[in-house]
Amino acid sequence: MAKKYPVIGCKKSPRYIGGLPCIICGVPTTGKVDIEINWFRGDDEQVRVCKTHQTKHDTEILAAYEAANA
């Protein structure tokens, strides 16, 4: 079965992010999420998420990503 892109890759909590805003709510972030755009290795995107939204369902993060890039 083939994947439908975009999909969520891995969710990370890096040590330093630089206070960038969350893609969903705009508060300072505590983690980042890799979004796989297609099956090519270098075409992944990274979005920043706050602590609350890092544990949310992947569809909410994908919807915010697609709205930001529309």
Protein backbone atom coordinates (compact mmCIF):
# COMPACT_ATOMS: atom_id res chain seq x y z
CA MET A 1 0.00 0.00 0.00
CA ALA A 2 1.42 3.37 -1.03
CA LYS A 3 1.74 6.27 1.38
CA LYS A 4 -0.27 9.43 0.80
CA TYR A 5 1.86 12.51 1.23
CA PRO A 6 2.38 14.74 3.18
CA VAL A 7 2.87 12.58 6.30
CA ILE A 8 4.36 13.23 9.71
CA GLY A 9 7.92 11.93 10.03
CA CYS A 10 9.40 12.16 13.51
CA LYS A 11 8.69 14.46 16.43
CA LYS A 12 11.72 15.85 18.23
CA SER A 13 12.42 17.99 21.27
CA PRO A 14 15.67 19.80 20.48
CA ARG A 15 17.74 21.56 23.13
CA TYR A 16 17.59 25.02 21.58
CA ILE A 17 14.97 26.30 19.17
CA GLY A 18 15.33 30.06 19.48
CA GLY A 19 11.79 30.90 20.60
CA LEU A 20 10.18 30.47 17.19
CA PRO A 21 6.36 30.54 17.22
CA CYS A 22 4.20 27.43 17.12
CA ILE A 23 2.63 26.81 13.70
CA ILE A 24 -0.79 26.27 15.32
CA CYS A 25 -1.12 28.75 18.20
CA GLY A 26 1.89 31.09 17.99
CA VAL A 27 3.34 30.56 21.49
CA PRO A 28 7.11 29.85 21.87
CA THR A 29 7.99 26.33 20.79
CA THR A 30 9.50 23.37 22.58
CA GLY A 31 9.82 20.91 19.69
CA LYS A 32 9.85 20.36 15.98
CA VAL A 33 8.05 17.97 13.66
CA ASP A 34 9.36 16.63 10.36
CA ILE A 35 6.81 16.58 7.55
CA GLU A 36 7.63 14.27 4.66
CA ILE A 37 6.45 15.95 1.45
CA ASN A 38 7.28 13.03 -0.86
CA TRP A 39 9.48 9.95 -0.89
CA PHE A 40 12.63 11.88 -1.83
CA ARG A 41 14.95 12.16 1.16
CA GLY A 42 15.81 15.87 0.89
CA ASP A 43 12.31 17.24 0.42
CA ASP A 44 11.21 17.12 4.06
CA GLU A 45 9.95 20.23 5.86
CA GLN A 46 10.26 21.06 9.55
CA VAL A 47 7.61 22.91 11.53
CA ARG A 48 7.83 24.14 15.11
CA VAL A 49 5.24 23.14 17.68
CA CYS A 50 4.62 24.01 21.32
CA LYS A 51 4.47 21.45 24.12
CA THR A 52 0.67 21.24 23.95
CA HIS A 53 0.49 20.60 20.21
CA GLN A 54 3.46 18.20 20.04
CA THR A 55 1.28 15.47 21.55
CA LYS A 56 -1.81 16.26 19.43
CA HIS A 57 -3.01 14.15 16.54
CA ASP A 58 -0.98 14.40 13.34
CA THR A 59 -3.90 15.64 11.23
CA GLU A 60 -4.07 18.88 13.23
CA ILE A 61 -0.39 19.60 12.56
CA LEU A 62 -0.78 18.73 8.85
CA ALA A 63 -3.84 20.99 8.54
CA ALA A 64 -1.94 23.92 10.07
CA TYR A 65 1.04 23.24 7.76
CA GLU A 66 -1.16 23.17 4.65
CA ALA A 67 -2.98 26.35 5.72
CA ALA A 68 0.35 28.15 6.22
CA ASN A 69 1.58 27.09 2.77
CA ALA A 70 -1.67 27.75 0.88
